[in-house]
N, C-alpha and C. Protein backbone atom coordinates (compact mmCIF):
# COMPACT_ATOMS: atom_id res chain seq x y z
N MET A 1 30.70 -20.54 3.47
CA MET A 1 30.89 -20.62 4.85
C MET A 1 31.25 -19.27 5.46
N SER A 2 30.47 -18.93 6.47
CA SER A 2 30.62 -17.62 7.09
C SER A 2 31.99 -17.61 7.90
N ILE A 3 32.67 -16.37 7.88
CA ILE A 3 33.81 -16.19 8.67
C ILE A 3 33.45 -15.75 10.11
N TYR A 4 32.23 -15.14 10.19
CA TYR A 4 31.70 -14.78 11.53
C TYR A 4 30.23 -14.71 11.46
N THR A 5 29.55 -15.05 12.53
CA THR A 5 28.21 -15.02 12.70
C THR A 5 27.75 -14.30 14.00
N ALA A 6 27.01 -13.26 13.82
CA ALA A 6 26.49 -12.54 14.98
C ALA A 6 25.13 -13.10 15.41
N ILE A 7 24.90 -13.29 16.64
CA ILE A 7 23.68 -13.90 17.15
C ILE A 7 23.01 -12.89 18.12
N ALA A 8 21.80 -12.49 17.93
CA ALA A 8 21.15 -11.64 18.92
C ALA A 8 19.69 -12.07 19.02
N THR A 9 19.14 -11.88 20.18
CA THR A 9 17.73 -12.22 20.39
C THR A 9 16.96 -10.97 20.91
N ALA A 10 15.71 -10.75 20.37
CA ALA A 10 14.79 -9.70 20.83
C ALA A 10 13.38 -10.27 20.75
N ALA A 11 12.51 -9.69 21.48
CA ALA A 11 11.14 -10.08 21.46
C ALA A 11 10.18 -9.03 20.87
N GLY A 12 10.77 -8.07 20.17
CA GLY A 12 9.92 -6.93 19.52
C GLY A 12 10.53 -5.61 19.89
N ARG A 13 9.69 -4.53 19.46
CA ARG A 13 10.24 -3.18 19.67
C ARG A 13 10.22 -2.68 21.11
N ASP A 14 9.51 -3.35 22.00
CA ASP A 14 9.51 -2.99 23.39
C ASP A 14 10.10 -4.11 24.16
N GLY A 15 11.25 -3.87 24.84
CA GLY A 15 11.84 -4.90 25.58
C GLY A 15 13.43 -4.78 25.56
N ARG A 16 14.11 -5.83 25.22
CA ARG A 16 15.48 -5.76 25.18
C ARG A 16 16.04 -6.52 23.93
N ALA A 17 17.26 -6.23 23.47
CA ALA A 17 17.90 -7.05 22.43
C ALA A 17 19.27 -7.41 23.15
N VAL A 18 19.74 -8.66 23.08
CA VAL A 18 20.72 -9.15 23.65
C VAL A 18 21.67 -10.05 22.77
N SER A 19 22.93 -9.70 22.56
CA SER A 19 23.69 -10.61 21.74
C SER A 19 24.15 -11.89 22.59
N SER A 20 24.46 -12.96 21.82
CA SER A 20 24.76 -14.25 22.47
C SER A 20 25.98 -14.13 23.39
N ASP A 21 26.91 -13.24 23.09
CA ASP A 21 28.13 -13.05 23.92
C ASP A 21 27.88 -12.06 25.04
N GLY A 22 26.72 -11.42 25.05
CA GLY A 22 26.39 -10.43 26.12
C GLY A 22 27.01 -9.07 25.94
N ARG A 23 27.80 -8.88 24.87
CA ARG A 23 28.43 -7.50 24.75
C ARG A 23 27.39 -6.49 24.24
N LEU A 24 26.32 -6.88 23.66
CA LEU A 24 25.20 -6.01 23.28
C LEU A 24 24.09 -6.32 24.16
N ASP A 25 23.51 -5.38 24.86
CA ASP A 25 22.34 -5.60 25.69
C ASP A 25 21.75 -4.20 25.86
N VAL A 26 20.71 -4.00 25.02
CA VAL A 26 20.10 -2.69 24.91
C VAL A 26 18.56 -2.77 25.17
N THR A 27 18.12 -1.70 25.71
CA THR A 27 16.62 -1.62 25.93
C THR A 27 16.02 -1.02 24.70
N LEU A 28 14.99 -1.74 24.16
CA LEU A 28 14.28 -1.25 23.01
C LEU A 28 12.98 -0.62 23.38
N ALA A 29 12.62 0.38 22.65
CA ALA A 29 11.41 0.97 22.85
C ALA A 29 10.78 1.54 21.56
N ARG A 30 9.41 1.36 21.40
CA ARG A 30 8.84 1.85 20.22
C ARG A 30 8.90 3.40 20.08
N GLN A 31 9.24 3.85 18.94
CA GLN A 31 9.46 5.36 18.79
C GLN A 31 8.09 6.07 18.97
N LYS A 32 8.26 7.29 19.50
CA LYS A 32 7.08 8.14 19.66
C LYS A 32 6.22 8.26 18.38
N GLU A 33 6.85 8.26 17.21
CA GLU A 33 6.18 8.36 15.93
C GLU A 33 5.40 7.12 15.75
N LEU A 34 5.62 6.08 16.51
CA LEU A 34 4.89 4.80 16.22
C LEU A 34 3.98 4.44 17.37
N GLY A 35 3.85 5.53 18.30
CA GLY A 35 2.94 5.35 19.38
C GLY A 35 3.57 4.96 20.65
N GLY A 36 4.90 4.82 20.72
CA GLY A 36 5.64 4.36 21.92
C GLY A 36 6.10 5.62 22.79
N ASP A 37 6.77 5.20 23.73
CA ASP A 37 7.36 6.29 24.63
C ASP A 37 8.69 6.80 24.25
N GLY A 38 9.34 6.07 23.41
CA GLY A 38 10.60 6.48 22.79
C GLY A 38 11.80 6.44 23.80
N ASN A 39 11.66 5.77 24.88
CA ASN A 39 12.63 5.66 26.00
C ASN A 39 13.63 4.51 25.88
N GLY A 40 14.04 4.15 24.63
CA GLY A 40 15.00 3.19 24.37
C GLY A 40 15.34 3.36 22.93
N THR A 41 16.36 2.43 22.47
CA THR A 41 16.78 2.50 21.07
C THR A 41 15.76 1.69 20.24
N ASN A 42 15.78 1.70 19.01
CA ASN A 42 14.92 0.94 18.10
C ASN A 42 15.65 0.30 16.95
N PRO A 43 15.01 -0.59 16.29
CA PRO A 43 15.73 -1.35 15.24
C PRO A 43 16.34 -0.50 14.11
N GLU A 44 15.76 0.66 13.80
CA GLU A 44 16.26 1.55 12.86
C GLU A 44 17.47 2.19 13.19
N GLN A 45 17.61 2.57 14.48
CA GLN A 45 18.82 3.18 15.05
C GLN A 45 19.88 2.16 14.97
N LEU A 46 19.63 0.86 15.45
CA LEU A 46 20.65 -0.11 15.34
C LEU A 46 21.11 -0.47 13.91
N PHE A 47 20.18 -0.44 13.04
CA PHE A 47 20.60 -0.65 11.61
C PHE A 47 21.48 0.50 11.10
N ALA A 48 21.11 1.72 11.52
CA ALA A 48 21.82 2.92 11.07
C ALA A 48 23.31 2.85 11.56
N ALA A 49 23.47 2.52 12.92
CA ALA A 49 24.74 2.36 13.45
C ALA A 49 25.58 1.36 12.76
N GLY A 50 24.96 0.16 12.51
CA GLY A 50 25.68 -0.97 11.83
C GLY A 50 26.07 -0.56 10.48
N TYR A 51 25.19 0.03 9.76
CA TYR A 51 25.45 0.36 8.33
C TYR A 51 26.58 1.42 8.31
N ALA A 52 26.53 2.48 9.13
CA ALA A 52 27.54 3.54 9.21
C ALA A 52 28.92 2.92 9.49
N ALA A 53 28.99 2.06 10.46
CA ALA A 53 30.23 1.37 10.85
C ALA A 53 30.74 0.54 9.79
N CYS A 54 29.85 -0.23 9.20
CA CYS A 54 30.32 -1.21 8.21
C CYS A 54 30.82 -0.44 6.95
N PHE A 55 30.12 0.58 6.56
CA PHE A 55 30.39 1.39 5.37
C PHE A 55 31.80 2.12 5.57
N ALA A 56 31.94 2.61 6.78
CA ALA A 56 33.22 3.32 7.05
C ALA A 56 34.38 2.36 7.01
N SER A 57 34.19 1.17 7.53
CA SER A 57 35.24 0.12 7.58
C SER A 57 35.59 -0.26 6.12
N ALA A 58 34.50 -0.46 5.30
CA ALA A 58 34.67 -0.90 3.95
C ALA A 58 35.38 0.19 3.13
N MET A 59 35.20 1.54 3.52
CA MET A 59 35.78 2.63 2.85
C MET A 59 37.32 2.61 3.27
N GLN A 60 37.62 2.19 4.42
CA GLN A 60 39.08 2.12 4.83
C GLN A 60 39.84 1.13 3.88
N LEU A 61 39.10 -0.06 3.60
CA LEU A 61 39.72 -1.07 2.83
C LEU A 61 39.83 -0.57 1.37
N VAL A 62 38.87 -0.01 0.73
CA VAL A 62 38.81 0.56 -0.62
C VAL A 62 39.79 1.71 -0.65
N GLY A 63 39.80 2.62 0.26
CA GLY A 63 40.73 3.68 0.31
C GLY A 63 42.26 3.19 0.25
N ALA A 64 42.53 2.14 1.05
CA ALA A 64 43.89 1.64 1.02
C ALA A 64 44.19 1.01 -0.29
N ARG A 65 43.28 0.47 -1.02
CA ARG A 65 43.50 -0.18 -2.27
C ARG A 65 43.81 0.96 -3.35
N LYS A 66 43.11 2.03 -3.15
CA LYS A 66 43.32 3.23 -4.03
C LYS A 66 44.35 4.13 -3.55
N LYS A 67 45.10 3.74 -2.45
CA LYS A 67 46.14 4.59 -1.97
C LYS A 67 45.64 6.03 -1.51
N LEU A 68 44.47 5.99 -0.90
CA LEU A 68 43.92 7.31 -0.41
C LEU A 68 43.80 7.17 1.12
N ASP A 69 44.21 8.31 1.84
CA ASP A 69 44.12 8.37 3.25
C ASP A 69 42.65 8.79 3.58
N VAL A 70 41.85 7.86 4.07
CA VAL A 70 40.57 8.24 4.47
C VAL A 70 40.37 8.03 6.09
N SER A 71 41.50 8.08 6.78
CA SER A 71 41.41 7.88 8.19
C SER A 71 40.66 8.93 8.97
N ASP A 72 40.50 10.09 8.37
CA ASP A 72 39.57 11.05 9.01
C ASP A 72 38.18 11.10 8.41
N ALA A 73 37.81 10.10 7.71
CA ALA A 73 36.42 10.06 7.03
C ALA A 73 35.41 9.60 8.16
N SER A 74 34.19 9.98 7.99
CA SER A 74 33.11 9.47 8.73
C SER A 74 31.91 9.28 7.85
N VAL A 75 30.95 8.38 8.37
CA VAL A 75 29.73 8.05 7.69
C VAL A 75 28.59 8.19 8.65
N THR A 76 27.61 9.00 8.22
CA THR A 76 26.33 9.04 8.96
C THR A 76 25.31 8.35 8.16
N ALA A 77 24.60 7.44 8.71
CA ALA A 77 23.53 6.65 8.12
C ALA A 77 22.21 7.10 8.65
N GLU A 78 21.32 7.48 7.74
CA GLU A 78 19.93 7.72 8.03
C GLU A 78 19.03 6.69 7.55
N ILE A 79 18.24 6.04 8.44
CA ILE A 79 17.41 4.95 8.02
C ILE A 79 15.95 5.44 8.30
N GLY A 80 15.31 5.54 7.15
CA GLY A 80 13.83 5.98 7.24
C GLY A 80 12.92 4.76 7.22
N LEU A 81 11.86 4.87 7.89
CA LEU A 81 10.81 3.96 7.99
C LEU A 81 9.53 4.43 7.43
N SER A 82 8.86 3.77 6.53
CA SER A 82 7.59 4.44 5.97
C SER A 82 6.66 3.20 5.69
N PRO A 83 5.32 3.60 5.61
CA PRO A 83 4.41 2.55 5.09
C PRO A 83 4.63 2.16 3.65
N ASN A 84 4.50 0.86 3.35
CA ASN A 84 4.71 0.41 2.00
C ASN A 84 3.52 0.50 1.13
N GLY A 85 2.42 0.95 1.62
CA GLY A 85 1.16 0.91 0.75
C GLY A 85 0.42 -0.40 0.70
N GLN A 86 0.96 -1.45 1.27
CA GLN A 86 0.29 -2.82 1.31
C GLN A 86 0.07 -3.28 2.74
N GLY A 87 0.09 -2.41 3.72
CA GLY A 87 -0.29 -2.82 5.08
C GLY A 87 1.06 -3.04 5.85
N GLY A 88 2.20 -2.94 5.23
CA GLY A 88 3.44 -3.23 5.88
C GLY A 88 4.28 -1.98 5.89
N PHE A 89 5.64 -2.19 6.08
CA PHE A 89 6.45 -1.02 6.23
C PHE A 89 7.75 -1.28 5.30
N GLN A 90 8.42 -0.21 5.03
CA GLN A 90 9.63 -0.35 4.21
C GLN A 90 10.69 0.60 4.76
N LEU A 91 11.92 0.25 4.44
CA LEU A 91 13.09 1.09 4.91
C LEU A 91 13.66 1.84 3.72
N GLU A 92 14.46 2.92 3.99
CA GLU A 92 15.21 3.58 2.96
C GLU A 92 16.37 4.15 3.65
N ALA A 93 17.46 4.25 2.97
CA ALA A 93 18.76 4.65 3.61
C ALA A 93 19.39 5.86 2.86
N THR A 94 19.94 6.75 3.69
CA THR A 94 20.87 7.73 3.11
C THR A 94 22.17 7.65 3.93
N LEU A 95 23.28 7.48 3.09
CA LEU A 95 24.54 7.54 3.74
C LEU A 95 25.26 8.82 3.45
N ARG A 96 25.65 9.59 4.43
CA ARG A 96 26.34 10.86 4.24
C ARG A 96 27.76 10.68 4.62
N VAL A 97 28.71 10.73 3.65
CA VAL A 97 30.06 10.37 3.81
C VAL A 97 30.86 11.67 3.79
N GLU A 98 31.51 11.97 4.82
CA GLU A 98 32.44 13.15 4.96
C GLU A 98 33.93 12.66 4.85
N LEU A 99 34.49 13.18 3.85
CA LEU A 99 35.83 12.86 3.54
C LEU A 99 36.86 14.11 3.65
N PRO A 100 38.11 13.78 3.80
CA PRO A 100 39.10 14.91 3.89
C PRO A 100 39.09 15.80 2.72
N ASP A 101 39.24 17.10 2.88
CA ASP A 101 39.24 18.06 1.83
C ASP A 101 40.32 17.81 0.82
N SER A 102 41.33 16.98 1.17
CA SER A 102 42.46 16.73 0.26
C SER A 102 41.98 15.75 -0.90
N ILE A 103 40.89 15.14 -0.76
CA ILE A 103 40.32 14.16 -1.75
C ILE A 103 39.48 15.00 -2.65
N ALA A 104 39.86 15.00 -4.02
CA ALA A 104 39.03 15.73 -4.97
C ALA A 104 37.68 15.27 -5.09
N PRO A 105 36.74 16.01 -5.43
CA PRO A 105 35.25 15.58 -5.50
C PRO A 105 35.10 14.37 -6.44
N GLU A 106 35.70 14.39 -7.58
CA GLU A 106 35.40 13.28 -8.49
C GLU A 106 35.98 11.91 -7.86
N THR A 107 37.20 12.01 -7.35
CA THR A 107 37.86 10.96 -6.61
C THR A 107 36.98 10.49 -5.46
N ALA A 108 36.45 11.44 -4.69
CA ALA A 108 35.53 11.14 -3.55
C ALA A 108 34.44 10.33 -4.02
N ARG A 109 33.83 10.68 -5.08
CA ARG A 109 32.56 10.05 -5.47
C ARG A 109 32.91 8.58 -6.05
N GLU A 110 34.04 8.39 -6.71
CA GLU A 110 34.47 7.16 -7.20
C GLU A 110 34.78 6.18 -5.97
N LEU A 111 35.35 6.79 -4.89
CA LEU A 111 35.60 6.04 -3.67
C LEU A 111 34.35 5.57 -3.10
N VAL A 112 33.40 6.45 -2.93
CA VAL A 112 32.08 6.06 -2.30
C VAL A 112 31.42 5.12 -3.07
N GLU A 113 31.38 5.19 -4.36
CA GLU A 113 30.72 4.24 -5.20
C GLU A 113 31.39 2.88 -5.21
N ALA A 114 32.67 2.79 -5.18
CA ALA A 114 33.38 1.57 -5.00
C ALA A 114 33.11 0.91 -3.60
N THR A 115 33.02 1.72 -2.63
CA THR A 115 32.77 1.23 -1.27
C THR A 115 31.36 0.64 -1.20
N HIS A 116 30.55 1.19 -1.95
CA HIS A 116 29.08 0.66 -1.94
C HIS A 116 29.02 -0.68 -2.64
N GLN A 117 29.92 -1.03 -3.40
CA GLN A 117 30.04 -2.33 -4.10
C GLN A 117 30.69 -3.36 -3.12
N VAL A 118 31.42 -2.93 -2.13
CA VAL A 118 32.25 -3.83 -1.24
C VAL A 118 31.50 -4.00 0.10
N CYS A 119 30.81 -2.97 0.66
CA CYS A 119 30.18 -3.05 1.94
C CYS A 119 29.10 -4.21 2.04
N PRO A 120 29.29 -5.04 3.05
CA PRO A 120 28.20 -6.12 3.13
C PRO A 120 26.81 -5.50 3.39
N TYR A 121 26.61 -4.47 4.08
CA TYR A 121 25.29 -3.88 4.27
C TYR A 121 24.69 -3.39 2.90
N SER A 122 25.59 -2.78 2.13
CA SER A 122 25.19 -2.31 0.76
C SER A 122 24.83 -3.44 -0.08
N ASN A 123 25.55 -4.52 -0.07
CA ASN A 123 25.24 -5.62 -0.84
C ASN A 123 23.91 -6.38 -0.42
N ALA A 124 23.74 -6.32 0.83
CA ALA A 124 22.40 -6.93 1.41
C ALA A 124 21.27 -6.11 1.09
N THR A 125 21.39 -4.75 1.01
CA THR A 125 20.29 -3.90 0.75
C THR A 125 19.98 -3.67 -0.77
N ARG A 126 20.98 -3.83 -1.60
CA ARG A 126 20.90 -3.50 -3.07
C ARG A 126 19.72 -4.20 -3.65
N GLY A 127 18.93 -3.43 -4.27
CA GLY A 127 17.73 -3.99 -4.94
C GLY A 127 16.55 -4.23 -4.05
N ASN A 128 16.77 -4.01 -2.70
CA ASN A 128 15.77 -4.18 -1.77
C ASN A 128 15.19 -2.91 -1.17
N ILE A 129 16.08 -1.94 -0.86
CA ILE A 129 15.67 -0.63 -0.39
C ILE A 129 16.45 0.49 -1.14
N PRO A 130 15.95 1.60 -1.33
CA PRO A 130 16.72 2.70 -1.90
C PRO A 130 17.83 3.16 -0.94
N VAL A 131 18.99 3.35 -1.50
CA VAL A 131 20.15 3.86 -0.72
C VAL A 131 20.69 5.07 -1.46
N ASN A 132 20.63 6.13 -0.94
CA ASN A 132 21.06 7.43 -1.51
C ASN A 132 22.52 7.74 -0.81
N LEU A 133 23.52 7.75 -1.75
CA LEU A 133 24.87 8.16 -1.27
C LEU A 133 25.14 9.59 -1.52
N VAL A 134 25.54 10.31 -0.47
CA VAL A 134 25.79 11.76 -0.43
C VAL A 134 27.22 11.94 0.04
N VAL A 135 28.07 12.60 -0.83
CA VAL A 135 29.45 12.94 -0.39
C VAL A 135 29.47 14.38 0.08
N GLU A 136 29.85 14.62 1.27
CA GLU A 136 29.75 15.88 1.80
C GLU A 136 31.18 16.45 1.98
């Protein structure tokens, strides 16, 4: 049973996406690279924002468990869109994690790997799309 369910409606890459509670209401536009005017956000940007926020929050949880202060950490998600060779498209993700200098590189890598096991977005994408984890 879900502890929370988000609901949003959209009619495609050109138009609007609206959440059921009205808190999200964005103009969508096809990217210039896909033949559009690029005058709005797109599903890949929304996915990147969601994945970055989710991963950062999961890292706060994992960091607390490991007694690490990651309050100054940030996550930048890059979501790539490319043809899949079968007439469709596929996604790929790179997560760039910036951690405080006080965290040793080996500890940082362990933290990011552990977070990747906890984050709901990581669990949803595992085995479906490549996800590259970069600790900066």
